[in-house]
Amino acid sequence: MDRAWREVSPVFAPDRDPQFATEVSADTLRTALDLRLEAYHNEQGEPWKLPSVSQAFLALRADHEWDHEYLTMEGYEPFLEASTDFLFGKDCVAVKERRISSHQMLGGSGAIHTGSQILQRYYRFPTDRPTIFLPNPTCPKHAIMLHTTGFQTESYCYYNFESHAVDFLNMMNDLHKLPSNSVILLHACAHKPTGMDPSQGQWELLAKLFLDRGHFAFFVCDNQGITSGDPEKDAYSVRLFAEERIPMLVCQSFASSTGLYGERIGALHILTHDADLSRRLHSQVNILLRREIGPCPKFSAHIAALLLSEKPIHRQWLEDMHAIHKRIQTVRQTLYEALVHHYNIPGSWEHLLHGTGLFSLLGLTKKQCDRLAEEAHILVSTNSCINVAGLNPGNLDYFVRWVDRVVREERAP
């Protein structure tokens, strides 16, 4: 035993993550239909290289002035300006008044990490036990990341697991009961794992509640542009809260909308009530980034900036995002028809049609999810969340036949 080290936990196997269904062997993983994937895959089951990204890459290669020098701590300025306009709109008053501090981040996860650290240092929490309130359910990594930066997390009601819809009344009741000035995590669009979002009218009621209670909005925005196929519509919640001057930060990721998953491109935007506070927070984020990671990657920032602002490439990108949205909705429709009309599987499946984005909860039990993994080599999360884009004409019928089997056999006397 090495005396230089304290006791170290056993080797962590990704397939034993508690959010996944069951322990599976390496052989199973190689042959499995894995619907736990985080990324968008095309109809052939492969990562899609967006035509717009290919165009941006060629444009960057042709730029003889491009080099590999470090970026500043803030990141690539054209990317930050364009990503801010993309999220908040070109006419946003907060942008014109310089009340938004923006930094390039290592994807959405990097933004969550840095944003939570800034809150930990400078936000006046209502109690001496800094807590961030998360929707139930939410992406499992949210709580893990927030615990890493020293936060307690608690849940508020978001989803009705019986009706498979946003439980808006109980959600409002829970948020109203929280201490004033609480920090509340919200999914801007394409809620993960349910795929169910509040309506625009419900967002307006939420904004009023946040104003009345003085709450702080901790937005996660991962799917702008592919949720509805319209980036303007997908940004409605963030723009509404900004217009109402609700204090907030937004963790923005471009992974799913660009396919640049391995390039780690995102941004953190902090909206305040005055420009002076924004400048001071901006400086503190710079200091934190220098201490932790240094400048962010340059290549992905330049590619994203071209997607966001170079007109011919931007037009193609809008078409690419709409194509992703259209395919996802087509898969949802095809899956629904197979479950209901082809196999007549007992249960409620209409929520698959109403959901948006990459993810959806099927409504299966943990036992049923475990059987899918053990007997069919179909891997889903324990809460039956699947990545809809992982289904295609080559595997959808196989998947539905096994869902039919595990559902009917559990119901059998």
Protein backbone atom coordinates (compact mmCIF):
# COMPACT_ATOMS: atom_id res chain seq x y z
CA MET A 1 0.00 0.00 0.00
CA ASP A 2 1.33 3.45 -0.97
CA ARG A 3 1.61 5.47 2.25
CA ALA A 4 1.74 8.75 0.34
CA TRP A 5 -1.97 8.53 -0.46
CA ARG A 6 -5.08 8.33 1.65
CA GLU A 7 -7.67 5.71 0.83
CA VAL A 8 -8.92 6.24 -2.72
CA SER A 9 -12.34 5.07 -3.85
CA PRO A 10 -12.55 2.10 -6.25
CA VAL A 11 -12.27 2.75 -9.97
CA PHE A 12 -15.38 4.46 -11.26
CA ALA A 13 -17.04 2.77 -14.21
CA PRO A 14 -19.23 5.08 -16.33
CA ASP A 15 -21.79 2.31 -16.83
CA ARG A 16 -22.35 2.22 -13.08
CA ASP A 17 -23.31 5.87 -12.82
CA PRO A 18 -26.53 5.94 -10.74
CA GLN A 19 -28.35 7.82 -13.49
CA PHE A 20 -27.92 4.79 -15.77
CA ALA A 21 -30.03 1.70 -15.68
CA THR A 22 -27.90 -1.19 -14.58
CA GLU A 23 -24.36 -2.49 -14.51
CA VAL A 24 -23.42 -3.80 -17.93
CA SER A 25 -20.37 -5.58 -19.22
CA ALA A 26 -17.86 -4.17 -21.69
CA ASP A 27 -19.10 -6.64 -24.31
CA THR A 28 -22.65 -5.40 -23.86
CA LEU A 29 -21.56 -1.79 -24.22
CA ARG A 30 -19.95 -2.56 -27.57
CA THR A 31 -23.16 -4.01 -28.99
CA ALA A 32 -25.78 -2.02 -27.09
CA LEU A 33 -28.37 0.43 -28.31
CA ASP A 34 -27.26 3.23 -26.00
CA LEU A 35 -30.00 5.84 -25.58
CA ARG A 36 -28.18 7.56 -22.72
CA LEU A 37 -26.02 9.55 -25.14
CA GLU A 38 -25.75 13.29 -24.56
CA ALA A 39 -25.19 14.18 -28.21
CA TYR A 40 -27.29 14.48 -31.35
CA HIS A 41 -26.81 11.66 -33.86
CA ASN A 42 -28.18 11.57 -37.39
CA GLU A 43 -30.42 9.00 -39.07
CA GLN A 44 -27.42 6.74 -39.64
CA GLY A 45 -26.65 6.75 -35.92
CA GLU A 46 -23.53 8.87 -36.38
CA PRO A 47 -22.44 12.32 -35.16
CA TRP A 48 -23.62 14.88 -37.71
CA LYS A 49 -21.06 17.28 -39.15
CA LEU A 50 -23.20 20.32 -39.79
CA PRO A 51 -22.70 21.80 -43.29
CA SER A 52 -22.46 25.25 -41.73
CA VAL A 53 -19.64 24.11 -39.44
CA SER A 54 -17.78 22.69 -42.43
CA GLN A 55 -18.18 26.03 -44.21
CA ALA A 56 -16.89 27.89 -41.16
CA PHE A 57 -13.92 25.54 -40.91
CA LEU A 58 -12.99 26.19 -44.55
CA ALA A 59 -13.34 29.94 -44.04
CA LEU A 60 -11.07 29.80 -41.02
CA ARG A 61 -8.45 27.75 -42.90
CA ALA A 62 -8.48 30.36 -45.66
CA ASP A 63 -7.80 33.17 -43.17
CA HIS A 64 -4.02 33.54 -43.31
CA GLU A 65 -4.05 35.93 -40.35
CA TRP A 66 -5.53 33.32 -38.00
CA ASP A 67 -3.02 32.01 -35.46
CA HIS A 68 -2.82 29.94 -32.27
CA GLU A 69 -2.14 32.77 -29.83
CA TYR A 70 -3.90 32.79 -26.46
CA LEU A 71 -7.23 34.53 -26.13
CA THR A 72 -7.88 37.05 -23.36
CA MET A 73 -9.48 35.91 -20.12
CA GLU A 74 -12.88 37.05 -21.40
CA GLY A 75 -12.56 34.98 -24.56
CA TYR A 76 -12.94 35.84 -28.23
CA GLU A 77 -14.72 39.19 -28.36
CA PRO A 78 -16.61 38.68 -31.68
CA PHE A 79 -17.97 35.39 -30.32
CA LEU A 80 -19.05 37.02 -27.06
CA GLU A 81 -20.79 39.91 -28.81
CA ALA A 82 -22.57 37.59 -31.24
CA SER A 83 -23.55 35.02 -28.61
CA THR A 84 -24.98 37.79 -26.41
CA ASP A 85 -27.07 39.12 -29.30
CA PHE A 86 -28.16 35.57 -30.21
CA LEU A 87 -29.42 34.95 -26.67
CA PHE A 88 -30.74 38.35 -25.54
CA GLY A 89 -31.59 39.93 -28.91
CA LYS A 90 -29.93 42.83 -30.71
CA ASP A 91 -32.27 45.37 -29.11
CA CYS A 92 -31.81 44.21 -25.51
CA VAL A 93 -31.76 47.22 -23.18
CA ALA A 94 -29.44 45.48 -20.71
CA VAL A 95 -26.85 45.05 -23.47
CA LYS A 96 -27.08 48.71 -24.48
CA GLU A 97 -26.74 49.77 -20.82
CA ARG A 98 -23.72 47.46 -20.36
CA ARG A 99 -25.45 45.53 -17.57
CA ILE A 100 -24.45 42.11 -18.91
CA SER A 101 -21.04 40.63 -18.17
CA SER A 102 -20.10 37.90 -20.66
CA HIS A 103 -17.26 35.39 -20.71
CA GLN A 104 -16.37 32.48 -22.96
CA MET A 105 -16.57 29.16 -21.09
CA LEU A 106 -15.62 25.51 -21.44
CA GLY A 107 -19.10 24.57 -22.61
CA GLY A 108 -22.25 24.80 -20.54
CA SER A 109 -20.68 22.81 -17.71
CA GLY A 110 -17.85 25.32 -17.41
CA ALA A 111 -20.41 28.11 -17.22
CA ILE A 112 -22.31 26.32 -14.43
CA HIS A 113 -19.08 25.79 -12.49
CA THR A 114 -17.85 29.37 -12.82
CA GLY A 115 -21.28 30.95 -12.38
CA SER A 116 -21.91 29.01 -9.18
CA GLN A 117 -18.52 30.02 -7.80
CA ILE A 118 -19.26 33.70 -8.42
CA LEU A 119 -22.59 33.32 -6.61
CA GLN A 120 -20.85 31.51 -3.75
CA ARG A 121 -18.47 34.44 -3.32
CA TYR A 122 -20.67 37.48 -3.92
CA TYR A 123 -24.41 36.72 -3.81
CA ARG A 124 -26.36 37.59 -0.65
CA PHE A 125 -28.20 34.38 0.05
CA PRO A 126 -31.29 34.59 2.28
CA THR A 127 -29.86 32.09 4.80
CA ASP A 128 -26.41 31.16 6.10
CA ARG A 129 -26.71 27.85 4.20
CA PRO A 130 -26.17 28.73 0.50
CA THR A 131 -28.72 26.72 -1.45
CA ILE A 132 -29.70 26.49 -5.10
CA PHE A 133 -33.15 25.12 -5.86
CA LEU A 134 -33.40 22.64 -8.73
CA PRO A 135 -36.45 21.43 -10.67
CA ASN A 136 -37.55 17.86 -9.96
CA PRO A 137 -36.37 16.25 -12.14
CA THR A 138 -33.32 17.86 -13.69
CA CYS A 139 -30.07 16.80 -15.32
CA PRO A 140 -28.23 14.70 -12.67
CA LYS A 141 -24.94 16.53 -13.18
CA HIS A 142 -26.44 19.84 -12.01
CA ALA A 143 -26.58 18.80 -8.35
CA ILE A 144 -23.17 17.11 -8.57
CA MET A 145 -21.51 20.23 -10.00
CA LEU A 146 -23.18 22.56 -7.50
CA HIS A 147 -22.15 20.36 -4.58
CA THR A 148 -18.59 20.55 -5.87
CA THR A 149 -18.65 24.34 -5.51
CA GLY A 150 -20.00 24.15 -1.97
CA PHE A 151 -23.74 24.52 -2.46
CA GLN A 152 -26.60 22.67 -0.88
CA THR A 153 -29.33 21.77 -3.35
CA GLU A 154 -33.04 21.29 -2.80
CA SER A 155 -35.83 20.50 -5.24
CA TYR A 156 -39.00 22.24 -6.29
CA CYS A 157 -41.90 20.58 -8.08
CA TYR A 158 -41.65 20.78 -11.87
CA TYR A 159 -43.13 17.67 -13.47
CA ASN A 160 -46.18 15.51 -12.91
CA PHE A 161 -44.99 11.95 -13.49
CA GLU A 162 -48.56 10.68 -13.90
CA SER A 163 -49.85 13.22 -16.43
CA HIS A 164 -46.40 13.62 -18.04
CA ALA A 165 -46.68 17.41 -18.09
CA VAL A 166 -45.28 20.46 -16.32
CA ASP A 167 -46.92 20.60 -12.88
CA PHE A 168 -47.23 24.34 -13.07
CA LEU A 169 -49.58 24.96 -10.13
CA ASN A 170 -47.41 23.07 -7.66
CA MET A 171 -44.31 24.58 -9.20
CA MET A 172 -45.62 28.09 -8.54
CA ASN A 173 -46.66 27.13 -5.01
CA ASP A 174 -43.19 25.74 -4.23
CA LEU A 175 -41.37 28.77 -5.61
CA HIS A 176 -43.65 31.17 -3.77
CA LYS A 177 -42.86 29.45 -0.45
CA LEU A 178 -39.09 29.79 -0.85
CA PRO A 179 -37.26 32.53 1.07
CA SER A 180 -37.07 35.84 -0.78
CA ASN A 181 -33.96 36.23 -2.96
CA SER A 182 -33.55 32.48 -3.43
CA VAL A 183 -31.44 31.21 -6.34
CA ILE A 184 -33.49 28.99 -8.64
CA LEU A 185 -32.20 26.94 -11.56
CA LEU A 186 -34.36 27.08 -14.68
CA HIS A 187 -34.05 25.39 -18.07
CA ALA A 188 -34.48 28.09 -20.71
CA CYS A 189 -35.86 25.57 -23.22
CA ALA A 190 -35.95 21.81 -23.88
CA HIS A 191 -36.01 20.82 -20.22
CA LYS A 192 -33.80 17.83 -19.51
CA PRO A 193 -34.82 15.06 -18.92
CA THR A 194 -38.54 15.62 -19.58
CA GLY A 195 -38.54 17.68 -22.79
CA MET A 196 -41.52 19.60 -21.37
CA ASP A 197 -41.37 23.40 -21.01
CA PRO A 198 -43.68 26.05 -19.57
CA SER A 199 -45.80 27.92 -22.11
CA GLN A 200 -45.07 31.57 -22.85
CA GLY A 201 -47.98 32.55 -20.63
CA GLN A 202 -46.60 30.44 -17.80
CA TRP A 203 -43.15 32.02 -18.23
CA GLU A 204 -44.83 35.40 -17.79
CA LEU A 205 -46.39 34.26 -14.52
CA LEU A 206 -43.02 32.90 -13.39
CA ALA A 207 -41.36 36.24 -14.17
CA LYS A 208 -43.95 38.05 -12.05
CA LEU A 209 -43.34 35.64 -9.17
CA PHE A 210 -39.57 36.18 -9.41
CA LEU A 211 -40.09 39.94 -9.29
CA ASP A 212 -42.49 39.74 -6.34
CA ARG A 213 -40.20 37.40 -4.34
CA GLY A 214 -36.87 38.90 -5.42
CA HIS A 215 -35.62 35.52 -6.68
CA PHE A 216 -32.44 35.09 -8.73
CA ALA A 217 -32.71 33.08 -11.98
CA PHE A 218 -29.91 30.59 -12.71
CA PHE A 219 -30.67 29.75 -16.37
CA VAL A 220 -29.25 26.77 -18.23
CA CYS A 221 -29.60 27.21 -22.01
CA ASP A 222 -28.38 24.16 -23.95
CA ASN A 223 -30.68 23.85 -26.96
CA GLN A 224 -31.45 27.28 -28.38
CA GLY A 225 -32.25 26.87 -32.05
CA ILE A 226 -33.02 23.15 -32.07
CA THR A 227 -35.87 23.12 -29.51
CA SER A 228 -38.42 24.74 -31.83
CA GLY A 229 -36.20 25.30 -34.86
CA ASP A 230 -36.45 29.05 -34.16
CA PRO A 231 -33.69 30.61 -31.98
CA GLU A 232 -35.86 33.66 -31.28
CA LYS A 233 -38.70 31.57 -29.89
CA ASP A 234 -36.34 29.40 -27.85
CA ALA A 235 -34.87 32.48 -26.15
CA TYR A 236 -38.27 33.75 -24.99
CA SER A 237 -37.82 32.96 -21.29
CA VAL A 238 -34.37 34.54 -21.03
CA ARG A 239 -35.38 37.66 -22.95
CA LEU A 240 -38.53 38.06 -20.86
CA PHE A 241 -36.60 37.90 -17.59
CA ALA A 242 -34.00 40.34 -18.95
CA GLU A 243 -36.72 42.77 -20.01
CA GLU A 244 -38.22 42.58 -16.51
CA ARG A 245 -34.77 43.32 -15.01
CA ILE A 246 -34.77 40.10 -12.99
CA PRO A 247 -31.24 39.40 -11.69
CA MET A 248 -29.87 36.32 -13.35
CA LEU A 249 -27.06 34.46 -14.98
CA VAL A 250 -27.26 32.28 -18.08
CA CYS A 251 -25.08 29.25 -18.78
CA GLN A 252 -25.09 29.05 -22.57
CA SER A 253 -23.89 26.01 -24.51
CA PHE A 254 -23.42 25.66 -28.27
CA ALA A 255 -22.71 21.93 -28.23
CA SER A 256 -26.02 20.57 -29.53
CA SER A 257 -26.74 23.47 -31.89
CA THR A 258 -23.36 23.17 -33.62
CA GLY A 259 -22.28 19.57 -33.06
CA LEU A 260 -19.01 20.88 -31.58
CA TYR A 261 -19.35 18.65 -28.53
CA GLY A 262 -15.65 17.91 -28.18
CA GLU A 263 -14.60 21.53 -28.72
CA ARG A 264 -16.18 22.84 -25.49
CA ILE A 265 -17.76 26.13 -26.54
CA GLY A 266 -20.10 28.05 -24.27
CA ALA A 267 -20.57 31.33 -22.46
CA LEU A 268 -21.56 32.73 -19.08
CA HIS A 269 -23.71 35.85 -19.03
CA ILE A 270 -24.40 37.66 -15.74
CA LEU A 271 -27.14 40.30 -15.81
CA THR A 272 -27.18 42.98 -13.09
CA HIS A 273 -29.04 46.20 -12.28
CA ASP A 274 -26.20 48.60 -13.09
CA ALA A 275 -23.11 48.83 -15.27
CA ASP A 276 -20.70 49.44 -12.39
CA LEU A 277 -21.60 46.15 -10.66
CA SER A 278 -21.36 44.41 -14.02
CA ARG A 279 -17.81 45.72 -14.52
CA ARG A 280 -16.76 44.60 -11.05
CA LEU A 281 -18.21 41.12 -11.49
CA HIS A 282 -16.53 40.93 -14.89
CA SER A 283 -13.19 41.57 -13.26
CA GLN A 284 -13.80 38.91 -10.62
CA VAL A 285 -14.68 36.30 -13.24
CA ASN A 286 -11.41 37.16 -15.03
CA ILE A 287 -9.48 36.57 -11.81
CA LEU A 288 -11.28 33.27 -11.19
CA LEU A 289 -10.63 32.02 -14.72
CA ARG A 290 -6.95 32.92 -14.53
CA ARG A 291 -6.59 30.98 -11.29
CA GLU A 292 -8.43 27.91 -12.53
CA ILE A 293 -8.08 27.34 -16.27
CA GLY A 294 -6.56 30.30 -18.07
CA PRO A 295 -7.89 31.37 -21.49
CA CYS A 296 -10.54 29.26 -23.21
CA PRO A 297 -10.03 27.50 -26.58
CA LYS A 298 -9.61 29.70 -29.62
CA PHE A 299 -10.58 27.39 -32.49
CA SER A 300 -14.15 26.67 -31.37
CA ALA A 301 -14.74 30.33 -30.52
CA HIS A 302 -13.79 31.41 -34.05
CA ILE A 303 -15.99 28.70 -35.60
CA ALA A 304 -18.94 29.71 -33.41
CA ALA A 305 -18.41 33.39 -34.20
CA LEU A 306 -18.61 32.63 -37.93
CA LEU A 307 -21.82 30.63 -37.40
CA LEU A 308 -23.34 33.47 -35.42
CA SER A 309 -22.35 36.44 -37.56
CA GLU A 310 -21.06 35.57 -41.08
CA LYS A 311 -24.26 35.95 -43.12
CA PRO A 312 -24.00 33.08 -45.67
CA ILE A 313 -22.69 30.70 -42.98
CA HIS A 314 -25.30 31.93 -40.48
CA ARG A 315 -28.12 31.26 -42.94
CA GLN A 316 -26.87 27.72 -43.44
CA TRP A 317 -26.60 27.27 -39.66
CA LEU A 318 -30.22 28.31 -39.20
CA GLU A 319 -31.19 25.69 -41.79
CA ASP A 320 -29.05 23.07 -40.02
CA MET A 321 -30.67 23.76 -36.64
CA HIS A 322 -34.12 23.56 -38.19
CA ALA A 323 -33.17 20.23 -39.78
CA ILE A 324 -32.12 18.87 -36.37
CA HIS A 325 -35.41 20.03 -34.85
CA LYS A 326 -37.44 18.57 -37.71
CA ARG A 327 -35.75 15.17 -37.46
CA ILE A 328 -36.24 15.02 -33.69
CA GLN A 329 -39.94 15.80 -34.03
CA THR A 330 -40.25 13.20 -36.79
CA VAL A 331 -38.67 10.57 -34.54
CA ARG A 332 -41.07 11.52 -31.74
CA GLN A 333 -44.04 11.12 -34.09
CA THR A 334 -42.76 7.80 -35.46
CA LEU A 335 -42.07 6.47 -31.96
CA TYR A 336 -45.55 7.48 -30.79
CA GLU A 337 -47.23 5.80 -33.76
CA ALA A 338 -45.26 2.59 -33.20
CA LEU A 339 -46.07 2.51 -29.46
CA VAL A 340 -49.76 3.33 -29.86
CA HIS A 341 -50.90 2.18 -33.29
CA HIS A 342 -48.53 -0.61 -34.31
CA TYR A 343 -48.10 -2.34 -30.94
CA ASN A 344 -50.94 -0.82 -28.89
CA ILE A 345 -48.72 -0.79 -25.79
CA PRO A 346 -50.61 -0.01 -22.56
CA GLY A 347 -49.88 3.37 -21.03
CA SER A 348 -49.90 7.06 -21.88
CA TRP A 349 -47.55 8.14 -24.68
CA GLU A 350 -48.98 11.48 -25.86
CA HIS A 351 -46.26 13.40 -24.02
CA LEU A 352 -43.78 12.22 -26.65
CA LEU A 353 -45.60 14.40 -29.17
CA HIS A 354 -45.76 17.45 -26.90
CA GLY A 355 -42.12 17.33 -25.82
CA THR A 356 -39.24 19.14 -27.51
CA GLY A 357 -35.49 18.78 -27.66
CA LEU A 358 -33.27 15.74 -27.51
CA PHE A 359 -34.63 14.11 -24.36
CA SER A 360 -37.84 12.58 -23.11
CA LEU A 361 -39.05 10.48 -20.19
CA LEU A 362 -40.81 7.33 -21.35
CA GLY A 363 -42.56 6.65 -18.04
CA LEU A 364 -41.09 3.17 -17.51
CA THR A 365 -40.23 1.76 -14.09
CA LYS A 366 -36.66 1.13 -12.98
CA LYS A 367 -37.32 -2.61 -13.18
CA GLN A 368 -38.42 -2.26 -16.79
CA CYS A 369 -35.35 -0.15 -17.60
CA ASP A 370 -33.10 -2.77 -16.00
CA ARG A 371 -34.69 -5.52 -18.10
CA LEU A 372 -34.10 -3.51 -21.28
CA ALA A 373 -30.40 -3.36 -20.41
CA GLU A 374 -29.97 -6.91 -19.17
CA GLU A 375 -32.03 -8.77 -21.77
CA ALA A 376 -32.10 -6.52 -24.84
CA HIS A 377 -28.87 -4.52 -24.42
CA ILE A 378 -30.90 -1.31 -24.64
CA LEU A 379 -29.42 1.26 -22.27
CA VAL A 380 -31.61 3.99 -20.79
CA SER A 381 -31.40 6.02 -17.58
CA THR A 382 -33.07 4.67 -14.46
CA ASN A 383 -35.79 7.31 -14.75
CA SER A 384 -36.44 6.08 -18.34
CA CYS A 385 -34.95 9.18 -19.97
CA ILE A 386 -33.88 8.57 -23.55
CA ASN A 387 -32.09 10.61 -26.18
CA VAL A 388 -34.73 10.62 -28.91
CA ALA A 389 -32.08 11.26 -31.57
CA GLY A 390 -30.53 7.88 -30.74
CA LEU A 391 -33.47 6.19 -32.49
CA ASN A 392 -33.50 5.70 -36.25
CA PRO A 393 -35.11 3.44 -38.88
CA GLY A 394 -32.54 0.74 -38.16
CA ASN A 395 -33.32 0.35 -34.44
CA LEU A 396 -36.68 1.92 -33.61
CA ASP A 397 -38.79 -1.18 -34.18
CA TYR A 398 -36.39 -3.31 -32.11
CA PHE A 399 -36.63 -0.75 -29.30
CA VAL A 400 -40.44 -0.59 -29.38
CA ARG A 401 -40.81 -4.39 -29.43
CA TRP A 402 -38.78 -4.64 -26.25
CA VAL A 403 -40.71 -1.81 -24.59
CA ASP A 404 -43.88 -3.71 -25.48
CA ARG A 405 -42.48 -6.87 -23.91
CA VAL A 406 -41.32 -5.39 -20.59
CA VAL A 407 -44.51 -3.33 -20.16
CA ARG A 408 -46.91 -6.20 -20.87
CA GLU A 409 -45.02 -8.77 -18.82
CA GLU A 410 -44.92 -6.51 -15.77
CA ARG A 411 -48.66 -5.92 -16.07
CA ALA A 412 -49.43 -9.62 -16.46
CA PRO A 413 -50.99 -11.24 -13.31
